[in-house]
Amino acid sequence: MFDQFPDGLAELQDFFLTHSEGLQNASLLLGGKPELKATADLIDDICTTTVLTRRLKTGLLRLLDLLTLQHIHDPKRPESAYFADLDPSAPYVEDICLLSEAYFDVLLCLDAVDEIPLPLAA
């Protein structure tokens, strides 16, 4: 009778709808066209789903890794080259940082995503 969404899914969908353009722009800057396409596909899939599948969870974590610069130190990964081209003083850098923090907070609300790496205490 009533659809039951996993805890946090509605918030995740709202976040993706609200920040779709910013997520896609960040993905293009940090990972090029392949990451842009992956992010656009993930946004479409998340906004139309009622269940978080393993594939969607993997996509969510992949986007988190991209936004939090997890692979920039690996010269074999394209993210390192895209990161090298960024100007750290550009205003979009702060926007990406704020977006990644907000995205991380939304993911923490998802009970279904247990694999989220928590940041280390400083």
N, C-alpha and C. Protein backbone atom coordinates (compact mmCIF):
# COMPACT_ATOMS: atom_id res chain seq x y z
N MET A 1 0.81 -1.18 0.00
CA MET A 1 0.00 0.00 0.00
C MET A 1 0.87 1.26 0.00
N PHE A 2 1.83 1.33 0.92
CA PHE A 2 2.75 2.45 0.96
C PHE A 2 4.15 1.95 0.60
N ASP A 3 4.85 2.76 -0.19
CA ASP A 3 6.22 2.40 -0.53
C ASP A 3 7.13 2.69 0.65
N GLN A 4 8.00 1.77 0.95
CA GLN A 4 8.97 1.95 2.02
C GLN A 4 10.34 2.15 1.39
N PHE A 5 10.92 3.31 1.61
CA PHE A 5 12.27 3.59 1.11
C PHE A 5 13.26 3.29 2.22
N PRO A 6 14.45 2.83 1.85
CA PRO A 6 15.50 2.68 2.87
C PRO A 6 15.75 4.02 3.56
N ASP A 7 16.13 3.96 4.83
CA ASP A 7 16.42 5.19 5.57
C ASP A 7 17.42 6.05 4.81
N GLY A 8 17.08 7.31 4.63
CA GLY A 8 17.99 8.24 3.98
C GLY A 8 17.89 8.31 2.47
N LEU A 9 17.16 7.39 1.83
CA LEU A 9 17.10 7.40 0.36
C LEU A 9 16.42 8.66 -0.16
N ALA A 10 15.36 9.09 0.49
CA ALA A 10 14.67 10.31 0.05
C ALA A 10 15.60 11.52 0.15
N GLU A 11 16.40 11.57 1.23
CA GLU A 11 17.34 12.67 1.39
C GLU A 11 18.43 12.61 0.32
N LEU A 12 18.88 11.40 0.00
CA LEU A 12 19.88 11.23 -1.04
C LEU A 12 19.33 11.68 -2.39
N GLN A 13 18.11 11.28 -2.70
CA GLN A 13 17.50 11.68 -3.96
C GLN A 13 17.33 13.19 -4.03
N ASP A 14 16.91 13.80 -2.93
CA ASP A 14 16.76 15.25 -2.88
C ASP A 14 18.12 15.94 -3.08
N PHE A 15 19.17 15.40 -2.43
CA PHE A 15 20.51 15.96 -2.59
C PHE A 15 20.95 15.88 -4.05
N PHE A 16 20.73 14.74 -4.68
CA PHE A 16 21.15 14.58 -6.08
C PHE A 16 20.38 15.51 -6.99
N LEU A 17 19.10 15.70 -6.74
CA LEU A 17 18.31 16.61 -7.57
C LEU A 17 18.76 18.06 -7.37
N THR A 18 19.03 18.43 -6.13
CA THR A 18 19.43 19.79 -5.82
C THR A 18 20.84 20.12 -6.32
N HIS A 19 21.74 19.15 -6.23
CA HIS A 19 23.15 19.39 -6.53
C HIS A 19 23.62 18.67 -7.80
N SER A 20 22.71 18.33 -8.65
CA SER A 20 23.04 17.58 -9.87
C SER A 20 24.10 18.29 -10.71
N GLU A 21 23.90 19.55 -10.96
CA GLU A 21 24.84 20.30 -11.81
C GLU A 21 26.21 20.40 -11.14
N GLY A 22 26.25 20.69 -9.85
CA GLY A 22 27.52 20.80 -9.14
C GLY A 22 28.26 19.47 -9.10
N LEU A 23 27.54 18.38 -8.88
CA LEU A 23 28.18 17.06 -8.87
C LEU A 23 28.76 16.71 -10.23
N GLN A 24 28.03 17.05 -11.28
CA GLN A 24 28.53 16.75 -12.63
C GLN A 24 29.72 17.63 -12.99
N ASN A 25 29.67 18.90 -12.60
CA ASN A 25 30.81 19.79 -12.87
C ASN A 25 32.05 19.32 -12.12
N ALA A 26 31.87 18.96 -10.85
CA ALA A 26 33.00 18.47 -10.05
C ALA A 26 33.56 17.18 -10.65
N SER A 27 32.69 16.30 -11.09
CA SER A 27 33.13 15.04 -11.69
C SER A 27 33.93 15.28 -12.96
N LEU A 28 33.50 16.24 -13.76
CA LEU A 28 34.23 16.56 -14.99
C LEU A 28 35.61 17.13 -14.66
N LEU A 29 35.67 18.03 -13.68
CA LEU A 29 36.95 18.63 -13.31
C LEU A 29 37.91 17.62 -12.69
N LEU A 30 37.39 16.71 -11.88
CA LEU A 30 38.24 15.78 -11.13
C LEU A 30 38.51 14.46 -11.83
N GLY A 31 37.68 14.12 -12.83
CA GLY A 31 37.84 12.81 -13.46
C GLY A 31 37.59 12.77 -14.95
N GLY A 32 37.29 13.91 -15.55
CA GLY A 32 37.10 13.95 -16.99
C GLY A 32 35.75 13.41 -17.43
N LYS A 33 35.63 13.21 -18.73
CA LYS A 33 34.36 12.77 -19.32
C LYS A 33 33.87 11.41 -18.81
N PRO A 34 34.77 10.45 -18.57
CA PRO A 34 34.26 9.17 -18.04
C PRO A 34 33.57 9.32 -16.69
N GLU A 35 34.13 10.14 -15.82
CA GLU A 35 33.52 10.34 -14.50
C GLU A 35 32.25 11.19 -14.61
N LEU A 36 32.24 12.12 -15.54
CA LEU A 36 31.03 12.90 -15.78
C LEU A 36 29.88 11.97 -16.18
N LYS A 37 30.15 11.07 -17.10
CA LYS A 37 29.11 10.13 -17.54
C LYS A 37 28.67 9.22 -16.39
N ALA A 38 29.64 8.73 -15.62
CA ALA A 38 29.31 7.85 -14.50
C ALA A 38 28.44 8.59 -13.48
N THR A 39 28.76 9.84 -13.22
CA THR A 39 27.99 10.62 -12.25
C THR A 39 26.59 10.93 -12.78
N ALA A 40 26.49 11.29 -14.05
CA ALA A 40 25.18 11.56 -14.64
C ALA A 40 24.30 10.30 -14.60
N ASP A 41 24.89 9.16 -14.91
CA ASP A 41 24.14 7.90 -14.85
C ASP A 41 23.73 7.58 -13.42
N LEU A 42 24.61 7.82 -12.47
CA LEU A 42 24.31 7.56 -11.06
C LEU A 42 23.16 8.45 -10.59
N ILE A 43 23.19 9.71 -10.95
CA ILE A 43 22.12 10.64 -10.58
C ILE A 43 20.79 10.15 -11.13
N ASP A 44 20.77 9.79 -12.40
CA ASP A 44 19.54 9.27 -13.01
C ASP A 44 19.05 8.03 -12.28
N ASP A 45 19.95 7.11 -12.00
CA ASP A 45 19.56 5.86 -11.35
C ASP A 45 19.07 6.08 -9.92
N ILE A 46 19.77 6.90 -9.16
CA ILE A 46 19.38 7.15 -7.77
C ILE A 46 18.02 7.84 -7.71
N CYS A 47 17.79 8.77 -8.60
CA CYS A 47 16.55 9.53 -8.57
C CYS A 47 15.33 8.74 -9.01
N THR A 48 15.54 7.57 -9.58
CA THR A 48 14.41 6.75 -10.04
C THR A 48 14.28 5.43 -9.29
N THR A 49 15.15 5.17 -8.33
CA THR A 49 15.13 3.88 -7.66
C THR A 49 14.30 3.92 -6.38
N THR A 50 13.90 2.76 -5.93
CA THR A 50 13.26 2.62 -4.63
C THR A 50 14.09 1.73 -3.71
N VAL A 51 15.14 1.14 -4.28
CA VAL A 51 16.00 0.22 -3.53
C VAL A 51 17.45 0.51 -3.89
N LEU A 52 18.31 0.53 -2.89
CA LEU A 52 19.74 0.70 -3.16
C LEU A 52 20.36 -0.66 -3.44
N THR A 53 20.71 -0.88 -4.69
CA THR A 53 21.35 -2.13 -5.08
C THR A 53 22.85 -2.04 -4.81
N ARG A 54 23.51 -3.17 -4.93
CA ARG A 54 24.96 -3.19 -4.76
C ARG A 54 25.64 -2.31 -5.80
N ARG A 55 25.14 -2.30 -7.02
CA ARG A 55 25.70 -1.47 -8.08
C ARG A 55 25.57 0.01 -7.74
N LEU A 56 24.43 0.41 -7.20
CA LEU A 56 24.25 1.81 -6.82
C LEU A 56 25.13 2.19 -5.65
N LYS A 57 25.26 1.29 -4.67
CA LYS A 57 26.15 1.56 -3.54
C LYS A 57 27.59 1.73 -4.01
N THR A 58 28.01 0.89 -4.95
CA THR A 58 29.36 1.01 -5.51
C THR A 58 29.53 2.36 -6.20
N GLY A 59 28.52 2.78 -6.94
CA GLY A 59 28.57 4.08 -7.60
C GLY A 59 28.63 5.23 -6.62
N LEU A 60 27.88 5.12 -5.52
CA LEU A 60 27.91 6.16 -4.48
C LEU A 60 29.30 6.29 -3.87
N LEU A 61 29.91 5.15 -3.59
CA LEU A 61 31.25 5.17 -3.00
C LEU A 61 32.30 5.63 -3.99
N ARG A 62 32.11 5.28 -5.27
CA ARG A 62 33.04 5.75 -6.30
C ARG A 62 33.00 7.27 -6.41
N LEU A 63 31.80 7.84 -6.35
CA LEU A 63 31.67 9.30 -6.39
C LEU A 63 32.29 9.93 -5.15
N LEU A 64 32.10 9.32 -4.01
CA LEU A 64 32.73 9.82 -2.78
C LEU A 64 34.24 9.82 -2.91
N ASP A 65 34.79 8.73 -3.43
CA ASP A 65 36.25 8.66 -3.64
C ASP A 65 36.72 9.77 -4.57
N LEU A 66 35.97 10.03 -5.62
CA LEU A 66 36.34 11.08 -6.57
C LEU A 66 36.31 12.45 -5.90
N LEU A 67 35.23 12.75 -5.20
CA LEU A 67 35.08 14.07 -4.59
C LEU A 67 36.07 14.30 -3.45
N THR A 68 36.48 13.25 -2.78
CA THR A 68 37.41 13.39 -1.66
C THR A 68 38.86 13.11 -2.06
N LEU A 69 39.10 13.03 -3.36
CA LEU A 69 40.47 12.95 -3.91
C LEU A 69 41.25 11.73 -3.43
N GLN A 70 40.58 10.60 -3.32
CA GLN A 70 41.21 9.40 -2.78
C GLN A 70 42.30 8.82 -3.68
N HIS A 71 42.27 9.10 -4.98
CA HIS A 71 43.19 8.44 -5.91
C HIS A 71 44.14 9.39 -6.61
N ILE A 72 44.29 10.60 -6.09
CA ILE A 72 45.14 11.57 -6.80
C ILE A 72 46.62 11.28 -6.67
N HIS A 73 47.00 10.45 -5.72
CA HIS A 73 48.43 10.14 -5.53
C HIS A 73 48.89 8.94 -6.35
N ASP A 74 47.96 8.33 -7.07
CA ASP A 74 48.29 7.17 -7.90
C ASP A 74 48.49 7.64 -9.34
N PRO A 75 49.73 7.69 -9.82
CA PRO A 75 49.98 8.21 -11.17
C PRO A 75 49.35 7.36 -12.27
N LYS A 76 48.93 6.16 -11.94
CA LYS A 76 48.29 5.30 -12.94
C LYS A 76 46.81 5.63 -13.13
N ARG A 77 46.28 6.45 -12.24
CA ARG A 77 44.86 6.82 -12.31
C ARG A 77 44.71 8.17 -12.99
N PRO A 78 43.69 8.35 -13.80
CA PRO A 78 43.51 9.64 -14.48
C PRO A 78 43.23 10.80 -13.53
N GLU A 79 42.70 10.50 -12.34
CA GLU A 79 42.40 11.56 -11.39
C GLU A 79 43.65 12.37 -11.02
N SER A 80 44.79 11.72 -11.00
CA SER A 80 46.02 12.44 -10.64
C SER A 80 46.35 13.52 -11.67
N ALA A 81 46.13 13.23 -12.93
CA ALA A 81 46.40 14.22 -13.98
C ALA A 81 45.39 15.37 -13.94
N TYR A 82 44.12 15.03 -13.71
CA TYR A 82 43.12 16.09 -13.61
C TYR A 82 43.37 16.98 -12.40
N PHE A 83 43.77 16.36 -11.30
CA PHE A 83 44.06 17.14 -10.09
C PHE A 83 45.24 18.08 -10.32
N ALA A 84 46.24 17.62 -11.03
CA ALA A 84 47.43 18.44 -11.29
C ALA A 84 47.07 19.70 -12.09
N ASP A 85 46.01 19.64 -12.87
CA ASP A 85 45.61 20.79 -13.69
C ASP A 85 44.77 21.81 -12.92
N LEU A 86 44.34 21.47 -11.71
CA LEU A 86 43.49 22.38 -10.94
C LEU A 86 44.30 23.51 -10.32
N ASP A 87 43.69 24.67 -10.24
CA ASP A 87 44.28 25.82 -9.55
C ASP A 87 43.72 25.84 -8.13
N PRO A 88 44.55 25.59 -7.12
CA PRO A 88 44.04 25.51 -5.74
C PRO A 88 43.38 26.80 -5.24
N SER A 89 43.69 27.92 -5.87
CA SER A 89 43.10 29.18 -5.43
C SER A 89 41.81 29.52 -6.17
N ALA A 90 41.40 28.68 -7.10
CA ALA A 90 40.17 28.93 -7.86
C ALA A 90 38.95 28.75 -6.95
N PRO A 91 37.92 29.55 -7.16
CA PRO A 91 36.74 29.47 -6.30
C PRO A 91 36.01 28.13 -6.36
N TYR A 92 36.13 27.43 -7.48
CA TYR A 92 35.43 26.14 -7.58
C TYR A 92 36.02 25.08 -6.65
N VAL A 93 37.27 25.26 -6.21
CA VAL A 93 37.89 24.30 -5.30
C VAL A 93 37.13 24.28 -3.97
N GLU A 94 36.83 25.45 -3.45
CA GLU A 94 36.05 25.52 -2.20
C GLU A 94 34.65 24.95 -2.41
N ASP A 95 34.05 25.22 -3.56
CA ASP A 95 32.73 24.67 -3.86
C ASP A 95 32.75 23.14 -3.86
N ILE A 96 33.79 22.57 -4.44
CA ILE A 96 33.91 21.11 -4.47
C ILE A 96 34.10 20.56 -3.06
N CYS A 97 34.88 21.24 -2.24
CA CYS A 97 35.08 20.80 -0.85
C CYS A 97 33.77 20.82 -0.08
N LEU A 98 33.01 21.89 -0.21
CA LEU A 98 31.72 21.98 0.48
C LEU A 98 30.74 20.93 -0.03
N LEU A 99 30.75 20.72 -1.34
CA LEU A 99 29.87 19.71 -1.93
C LEU A 99 30.23 18.32 -1.45
N SER A 100 31.52 18.02 -1.37
CA SER A 100 31.93 16.68 -0.92
C SER A 100 31.58 16.47 0.55
N GLU A 101 31.70 17.49 1.39
CA GLU A 101 31.31 17.37 2.79
C GLU A 101 29.81 17.15 2.93
N ALA A 102 29.03 17.88 2.16
CA ALA A 102 27.57 17.70 2.21
C ALA A 102 27.18 16.32 1.70
N TYR A 103 27.84 15.85 0.66
CA TYR A 103 27.56 14.51 0.12
C TYR A 103 27.91 13.44 1.15
N PHE A 104 29.02 13.59 1.82
CA PHE A 104 29.43 12.65 2.86
C PHE A 104 28.38 12.60 3.97
N ASP A 105 27.89 13.76 4.38
CA ASP A 105 26.86 13.81 5.43
C ASP A 105 25.58 13.10 5.00
N VAL A 106 25.20 13.25 3.75
CA VAL A 106 24.00 12.57 3.26
C VAL A 106 24.22 11.06 3.24
N LEU A 107 25.41 10.63 2.84
CA LEU A 107 25.69 9.19 2.82
C LEU A 107 25.66 8.59 4.22
N LEU A 108 26.08 9.36 5.20
CA LEU A 108 26.06 8.85 6.57
C LEU A 108 24.64 8.56 7.05
N CYS A 109 23.66 9.23 6.47
CA CYS A 109 22.26 9.00 6.83
C CYS A 109 21.73 7.69 6.26
N LEU A 110 22.43 7.12 5.30
CA LEU A 110 21.98 5.88 4.68
C LEU A 110 22.40 4.69 5.52
N ASP A 111 21.45 3.97 6.04
CA ASP A 111 21.77 2.76 6.79
C ASP A 111 22.29 1.67 5.87
N ALA A 112 21.91 1.74 4.60
CA ALA A 112 22.23 0.67 3.66
C ALA A 112 23.67 0.72 3.17
N VAL A 113 24.36 1.82 3.39
CA VAL A 113 25.73 1.95 2.91
C VAL A 113 26.67 1.85 4.10
N ASP A 114 27.05 0.62 4.44
CA ASP A 114 27.90 0.38 5.60
C ASP A 114 29.37 0.55 5.27
N GLU A 115 29.70 0.61 4.00
CA GLU A 115 31.10 0.60 3.58
C GLU A 115 31.71 1.99 3.51
N ILE A 116 31.02 3.01 4.01
CA ILE A 116 31.53 4.38 3.90
C ILE A 116 32.75 4.53 4.82
N PRO A 117 33.88 4.88 4.24
CA PRO A 117 35.08 5.06 5.09
C PRO A 117 34.95 6.34 5.90
N LEU A 118 35.07 6.23 7.21
CA LEU A 118 35.00 7.40 8.06
C LEU A 118 36.34 8.10 8.07
N PRO A 119 36.32 9.44 8.09
CA PRO A 119 37.60 10.17 8.11
C PRO A 119 38.35 9.89 9.41
N LEU A 120 39.65 9.87 9.32
CA LEU A 120 40.48 9.64 10.50
C LEU A 120 40.51 10.89 11.36
N ALA A 121 40.54 10.68 12.66
CA ALA A 121 40.62 11.82 13.57
C ALA A 121 41.98 12.49 13.45
N ALA A 122 41.98 13.79 13.51
CA ALA A 122 43.23 14.53 13.36
C ALA A 122 44.03 14.56 14.64
